[in-house]
Structure formats: C-alpha cells, structure tokens
Amino acid sequence: MIRPIGKITKTNRQLQEELAKLAEKRKALSEYELEKAVTLAYYQYLYGVSIQKLNNELNEIYTKFLKNAELRFNTGESGNIEVISAKAKVKEIETQKLQLENDLVMYQKQLQYFIQTNENIVPDDTTPLKYITTSLANEDKVQGLVNDFYTQQISVYQKEANTFKAMRTPRLGLGYFGQTIETKSYFQGFTAGVQIPLFGGANTAKAKASQISISQSQLELDKSKLTLKLQKRNYKTSLKNKKKQWRITKTKDCNMQTKLLQRHKRATPMAI
C-alpha cells in the first residue's frame, strides 16, 4: 500500500481541519436561527393572546352598549341610529374575534413545529407580554455568527484551491508490502516512488473554481450584512406597528368604558 507524502498530505490535512471548523460555524448559526424562530413565534403568540383579551373586553363593552342603546331607543330617549351603530360595532368585533381565533391556531402550530411537540403550549399568566428589545451585544453576536460562517467558508475554498494546485505537482510516495508465494515463502519490504500526474487540466479547473467560490462567498458575506441590516429595520417597524395597534385597541377599550360610565351616571337619576 503506497501513501503519498509531502505537500499534498499537508494541504489535505489542512482542508479537513477547515471543513470541521466550517461545520461548527454552521451548527452555531443553525442554533441561533432556531432560537430566533422560537422566540418570534412565542412572542407572536403572546401578542395574539393580548389582542384577543382586549377584543373580548371590547365585545363585552359594546354588547352592554347595544343593550343600553336599545333601552334608550325603546324609551324614546335616543334615535335608532345609536342602535344601528352599536350593532355594526358588535358585528365588527365578532368578526375580529373569529379572525383572532384562527390567527392563534396558526401561531400555536408554528410554535409547536419549532419546539417539535404536539401539545398545546399555554403561556404562563405571570409571563410578561411586553417584548424586551434585544441589546446591542446580542445584535453584535448575530453579525459575528454570520461573519464567522462566511469567513470560514472562504478559508475552506482557499484550502481547496491549494489542495488542487498541489495535486498538479509530482508526489513522492512511500509504501509497505507483504506477500506470499504458494503460501510457503513470505516477502515483505518497503517501496518508494514518484507519482507524476499526466492529466492536470481537471485539477487546474477545480482550483480556478475554488477561486471563484472565494469571490462568491465574499459577495455573500457583504450581502448578508445588508440583509441583516434590512431585517433589523423591518422587525423594528413591525414591532412599532404592533405596539401602535395594541395602544389603539386599548384606548378604544378605555374610552368606551368611560362613555358607558358617564351615560350610566346620567341615566341613573332618570331611572329614579
């Protein structure tokens, strides 16, 4: 059995070491992506639960408002337009309720998929619904993981190019043999020789391909930086919009409670 020695052995060993490091970088990046997916799915589910809670409160408020409007209309205290408006609002809230129920089912399925479970996940009542914005250190961690991955990928392609270049040069080989003749005489010894590649065009093409891959990986690294920046901006915009929607719903809840309380106070003396 003859084994090559020299530069080709060294470049092959270096390539395998870089491939092992690349696998570690890919694993770290995959772990972060899974963590991010679970976090987003969980807070999205909590957001749906919060909106559903506010919607139920609004439904209860406008249902009472509808009953009060019908009573005021029957007693001649107000016109029919107030009843029509209340019915339309109750119908709108009931439609939103059905949509929220469907959304929560979808959020639940997403969370179950990422956690790999079929059990329904019910958030703890003590879990704060407010999303805590990630710190600058965590953002740097994300960028670091992406940079490390593509930098390691570039290193792998560089080692590949060196390996293919080394395969174009003559290689020195050392080996050991042992054999018998008619199961009587046993011969063994060492061999040495030089292996000269006759067709080096394929290795030259592979080396050029690895050089092109290096440039492509560098472009992917630059693209990932821009993509990450845009994603951060989109997430912040989405979070801002959801906060705004939550505040609007909450404000409607508080305003309607105040109006009903004021009407109840005005109607109380008349009832007496």
Protein backbone atom coordinates (compact mmCIF):
# COMPACT_ATOMS: atom_id res chain seq x y z
CA MET A 1 0.00 0.00 0.00
CA ILE A 2 1.51 3.33 -1.08
CA ARG A 3 0.73 6.57 0.72
CA PRO A 4 1.72 9.98 -0.69
CA ILE A 5 3.85 12.25 1.46
CA GLY A 6 4.85 15.87 1.20
CA LYS A 7 2.80 18.97 0.34
CA ILE A 8 -0.34 17.13 -0.78
CA THR A 9 -0.63 15.41 2.61
CA LYS A 10 -0.31 18.72 4.42
CA THR A 11 -2.87 20.51 2.25
CA ASN A 12 -5.35 17.65 2.62
CA ARG A 13 -5.00 17.72 6.40
CA GLN A 14 -5.47 21.50 6.47
CA LEU A 15 -8.55 21.20 4.27
CA GLN A 16 -10.14 18.62 6.58
CA GLU A 17 -9.42 20.83 9.60
CA GLU A 18 -11.07 23.82 7.92
CA LEU A 19 -14.09 21.70 6.95
CA ALA A 20 -14.50 20.64 10.59
CA LYS A 21 -14.39 24.30 11.67
CA LEU A 22 -16.95 25.19 9.00
CA ALA A 23 -19.29 22.51 10.34
CA GLU A 24 -19.01 24.06 13.81
CA LYS A 25 -19.81 27.53 12.43
CA ARG A 26 -22.79 26.17 10.52
CA LYS A 27 -24.06 24.45 13.67
CA ALA A 28 -23.77 27.65 15.72
CA LEU A 29 -25.62 29.60 13.03
CA SER A 30 -28.38 26.97 12.83
CA GLU A 31 -28.80 27.01 16.61
CA TYR A 32 -29.23 30.78 16.58
CA GLU A 33 -31.74 30.64 13.71
CA LEU A 34 -33.79 28.07 15.62
CA GLU A 35 -33.63 30.19 18.79
CA LYS A 36 -34.76 33.25 16.82
CA ALA A 37 -37.63 31.35 15.19
CA VAL A 38 -38.90 30.04 18.54
CA THR A 39 -38.64 33.49 20.14
CA LEU A 40 -40.52 35.21 17.33
CA ALA A 41 -43.22 32.53 17.25
CA TYR A 42 -43.65 32.71 21.04
CA TYR A 43 -43.98 36.50 21.21
CA GLN A 44 -46.25 36.50 18.19
CA TYR A 45 -48.50 34.06 20.04
CA LEU A 46 -48.39 36.23 23.17
CA TYR A 47 -49.31 39.24 21.03
CA GLY A 48 -52.32 37.35 19.68
CA VAL A 49 -53.37 36.39 23.21
CA SER A 50 -53.11 40.02 24.34
CA ILE A 51 -55.14 41.33 21.39
CA GLN A 52 -57.74 38.60 21.95
CA LYS A 53 -58.08 39.63 25.59
CA LEU A 54 -58.63 43.27 24.64
CA ASN A 55 -61.09 42.25 21.92
CA ASN A 56 -63.10 40.22 24.42
CA GLU A 57 -63.25 43.23 26.71
CA LEU A 58 -64.42 45.41 23.81
CA ASN A 59 -67.04 42.81 22.89
CA GLU A 60 -68.38 42.85 26.42
CA ILE A 61 -68.42 46.66 26.49
CA TYR A 62 -70.16 47.12 23.14
CA THR A 63 -72.68 44.37 23.95
CA LYS A 64 -73.66 46.33 27.05
CA PHE A 65 -73.67 49.50 24.98
CA LEU A 66 -76.03 47.85 22.47
CA LYS A 67 -78.44 46.79 25.23
CA ASN A 68 -78.32 50.30 26.68
CA ALA A 69 -78.90 51.86 23.24
CA GLU A 70 -81.90 49.59 22.61
CA LEU A 71 -83.32 50.52 26.01
CA ARG A 72 -82.81 54.23 25.33
CA PHE A 73 -84.47 53.85 21.92
CA ASN A 74 -87.46 51.98 23.36
CA THR A 75 -87.97 54.69 25.96
CA GLY A 76 -87.66 57.40 23.32
CA GLU A 77 -84.53 58.88 24.87
CA SER A 78 -82.43 58.45 21.68
CA GLY A 79 -82.79 57.69 18.00
CA ASN A 80 -82.40 54.42 16.11
CA ILE A 81 -79.03 55.47 14.70
CA GLU A 82 -77.37 54.73 18.02
CA VAL A 83 -78.72 51.16 17.94
CA ILE A 84 -77.58 50.65 14.34
CA SER A 85 -74.10 51.95 15.18
CA ALA A 86 -73.83 49.67 18.22
CA LYS A 87 -74.98 46.60 16.23
CA ALA A 88 -72.41 47.34 13.49
CA LYS A 89 -69.64 47.65 16.08
CA VAL A 90 -70.63 44.40 17.81
CA LYS A 91 -70.66 42.63 14.44
CA GLU A 92 -67.21 44.03 13.63
CA ILE A 93 -65.81 42.83 16.96
CA GLU A 94 -67.32 39.36 16.49
CA THR A 95 -65.66 39.14 13.05
CA GLN A 96 -62.34 40.20 14.57
CA LYS A 97 -62.81 37.58 17.26
CA LEU A 98 -63.11 34.80 14.68
CA GLN A 99 -60.04 36.09 12.82
CA LEU A 100 -58.05 36.21 16.06
CA GLU A 101 -59.03 32.65 16.91
CA ASN A 102 -57.75 31.49 13.50
CA ASP A 103 -54.55 33.50 13.95
CA LEU A 104 -53.92 31.97 17.38
CA VAL A 105 -54.31 28.47 15.95
CA MET A 106 -51.73 29.32 13.28
CA TYR A 107 -49.34 30.83 15.86
CA GLN A 108 -49.78 27.74 18.05
CA LYS A 109 -48.93 25.43 15.14
CA GLN A 110 -45.82 27.46 14.32
CA LEU A 111 -44.64 27.25 17.92
CA GLN A 112 -45.32 23.50 18.08
CA TYR A 113 -43.38 22.98 14.86
CA PHE A 114 -40.26 24.76 16.10
CA ILE A 115 -40.35 23.07 19.52
CA GLN A 116 -41.23 19.70 17.94
CA THR A 117 -44.25 18.88 20.08
CA ASN A 118 -47.96 18.16 19.55
CA GLU A 119 -49.00 19.50 22.96
CA ASN A 120 -50.77 22.85 23.19
CA ILE A 121 -48.47 25.50 24.62
CA VAL A 122 -50.25 27.78 27.08
CA PRO A 123 -48.22 30.80 28.28
CA ASP A 124 -47.92 31.28 32.00
CA ASP A 125 -50.13 34.06 33.39
CA THR A 126 -47.07 35.58 35.04
CA THR A 127 -45.18 35.81 31.73
CA PRO A 128 -44.85 39.49 30.79
CA LEU A 129 -46.44 40.23 27.43
CA LYS A 130 -44.07 43.12 26.77
CA TYR A 131 -41.32 42.22 24.33
CA ILE A 132 -37.87 43.13 25.55
CA THR A 133 -35.85 44.69 22.74
CA THR A 134 -32.58 42.89 22.10
CA SER A 135 -29.46 44.60 23.30
CA LEU A 136 -26.64 45.85 21.10
CA ALA A 137 -24.45 42.99 22.34
CA ASN A 138 -26.96 40.43 21.02
CA GLU A 139 -27.07 42.19 17.64
CA ASP A 140 -23.27 42.05 17.51
CA LYS A 141 -23.50 38.32 18.27
CA VAL A 142 -25.73 37.79 15.24
CA GLN A 143 -23.39 39.69 12.96
CA GLY A 144 -20.44 37.80 14.44
CA LEU A 145 -22.01 34.41 13.72
CA VAL A 146 -22.70 35.35 10.10
CA ASN A 147 -19.23 36.84 9.61
CA ASP A 148 -17.55 33.79 11.16
CA PHE A 149 -19.50 31.41 8.92
CA TYR A 150 -18.67 33.12 5.63
CA THR A 151 -15.09 33.85 6.68
CA GLN A 152 -14.64 30.16 7.46
CA GLN A 153 -16.25 29.23 4.15
CA ILE A 154 -13.74 31.44 2.35
CA SER A 155 -10.92 29.71 4.25
CA VAL A 156 -12.24 26.30 3.13
CA TYR A 157 -12.25 27.34 -0.52
CA GLN A 158 -8.72 28.68 -0.15
CA LYS A 159 -7.56 25.33 1.22
CA GLU A 160 -9.41 23.55 -1.59
CA ALA A 161 -7.60 25.67 -4.17
CA ASN A 162 -4.25 24.88 -2.52
CA THR A 163 -5.10 21.17 -2.50
CA PHE A 164 -5.99 21.08 -6.19
CA LYS A 165 -2.83 23.02 -7.04
CA ALA A 166 -0.74 20.55 -5.03
CA MET A 167 -2.32 17.65 -6.93
CA ARG A 168 -0.86 19.01 -10.18
CA THR A 169 2.72 18.53 -8.94
CA PRO A 170 4.62 15.22 -8.76
CA ARG A 171 4.11 13.37 -5.49
CA LEU A 172 6.54 11.24 -3.54
CA GLY A 173 5.06 8.01 -2.25
CA LEU A 174 6.20 5.56 0.40
CA GLY A 175 4.64 2.15 0.99
CA TYR A 176 4.92 -1.25 2.58
CA PHE A 177 4.14 -4.61 1.06
CA GLY A 178 3.88 -8.16 2.28
CA GLN A 179 3.00 -11.21 0.18
CA THR A 180 3.47 -14.98 -0.02
CA ILE A 181 4.23 -17.31 -2.89
CA GLU A 182 2.27 -20.56 -2.77
CA THR A 183 1.77 -19.99 0.99
CA LYS A 184 5.39 -21.03 1.60
CA SER A 185 7.63 -18.04 1.15
CA TYR A 186 6.73 -14.70 2.68
CA PHE A 187 8.15 -11.50 1.23
CA GLN A 188 7.86 -8.06 2.73
CA GLY A 189 9.53 -4.74 2.26
CA PHE A 190 9.17 -1.04 1.53
CA THR A 191 8.58 0.78 -1.72
CA ALA A 192 9.22 4.33 -2.78
CA GLY A 193 8.36 6.16 -5.93
CA VAL A 194 7.29 9.35 -7.62
CA GLN A 195 3.75 9.80 -8.91
CA ILE A 196 3.58 12.16 -11.91
CA PRO A 197 0.09 13.37 -12.87
CA LEU A 198 -0.36 13.08 -16.63
CA PHE A 199 -3.64 14.96 -16.87
CA GLY A 200 -3.56 18.09 -14.71
CA GLY A 201 -6.25 20.03 -16.54
CA ALA A 202 -9.04 18.81 -14.26
CA ASN A 203 -7.20 19.90 -11.11
CA THR A 204 -6.40 23.26 -12.69
CA ALA A 205 -10.10 23.79 -13.45
CA LYS A 206 -11.07 22.77 -9.90
CA ALA A 207 -8.52 25.21 -8.46
CA LYS A 208 -10.00 28.02 -10.58
CA ALA A 209 -13.50 27.03 -9.47
CA SER A 210 -12.41 27.29 -5.84
CA GLN A 211 -11.01 30.77 -6.51
CA ILE A 212 -14.36 31.80 -7.99
CA SER A 213 -16.12 30.35 -4.94
CA ILE A 214 -13.96 32.56 -2.73
CA SER A 215 -15.21 35.66 -4.56
CA GLN A 216 -18.80 34.43 -4.36
CA SER A 217 -18.51 33.82 -0.61
CA GLN A 218 -17.17 37.34 -0.15
CA LEU A 219 -20.18 38.69 -2.05
CA GLU A 220 -22.49 36.56 0.10
CA LEU A 221 -20.82 37.98 3.22
CA ASP A 222 -21.42 41.56 2.05
CA LYS A 223 -24.99 40.65 1.05
CA SER A 224 -25.68 39.07 4.46
CA LYS A 225 -24.59 42.27 6.21
CA LEU A 226 -27.04 44.31 4.14
CA THR A 227 -29.82 41.72 4.58
CA LEU A 228 -29.32 41.64 8.34
CA LYS A 229 -29.49 45.43 8.46
CA LEU A 230 -32.76 45.45 6.47
CA GLN A 231 -34.25 42.67 8.62
CA LYS A 232 -33.48 44.59 11.80
CA ARG A 233 -35.17 47.65 10.33
CA ASN A 234 -38.24 45.62 9.25
CA TYR A 235 -38.52 43.95 12.67
CA LYS A 236 -38.38 47.32 14.41
CA THR A 237 -41.03 48.70 12.07
CA SER A 238 -43.25 45.66 12.60
CA LEU A 239 -42.84 45.90 16.37
CA LYS A 240 -43.68 49.61 16.26
CA ASN A 241 -46.85 48.94 14.23
CA LYS A 242 -47.99 46.17 16.57
CA LYS A 243 -47.45 48.41 19.59
CA LYS A 244 -49.45 51.14 17.86
CA GLN A 245 -52.31 48.72 17.09
CA TRP A 246 -52.28 47.47 20.67
CA ARG A 247 -52.44 51.04 22.04
CA ILE A 248 -55.32 51.91 19.69
CA THR A 249 -57.29 48.86 20.82
CA LYS A 250 -56.53 49.63 24.46
CA THR A 251 -57.56 53.27 24.01
CA LYS A 252 -60.87 52.23 22.44
CA ASP A 253 -61.44 49.96 25.43
CA CYS A 254 -60.77 52.73 27.96
CA ASN A 255 -62.77 55.36 26.06
CA MET A 256 -65.79 53.11 25.74
CA GLN A 257 -65.68 52.24 29.44
CA THR A 258 -65.58 55.96 30.26
CA LYS A 259 -68.52 56.75 27.95
CA LEU A 260 -70.64 53.94 29.35
CA LEU A 261 -69.88 55.06 32.89
CA GLN A 262 -70.87 58.65 32.06
CA ARG A 263 -74.11 57.53 30.40
CA HIS A 264 -74.88 55.30 33.34
CA LYS A 265 -74.45 58.25 35.71
CA ARG A 266 -76.73 60.45 33.57
CA ALA A 267 -79.36 57.72 33.27
CA THR A 268 -79.42 56.85 36.98
CA PRO A 269 -81.33 59.95 38.19
CA MET A 270 -83.90 59.49 35.41
CA ALA A 271 -84.48 55.89 36.43
CA ILE A 272 -85.11 57.01 39.97
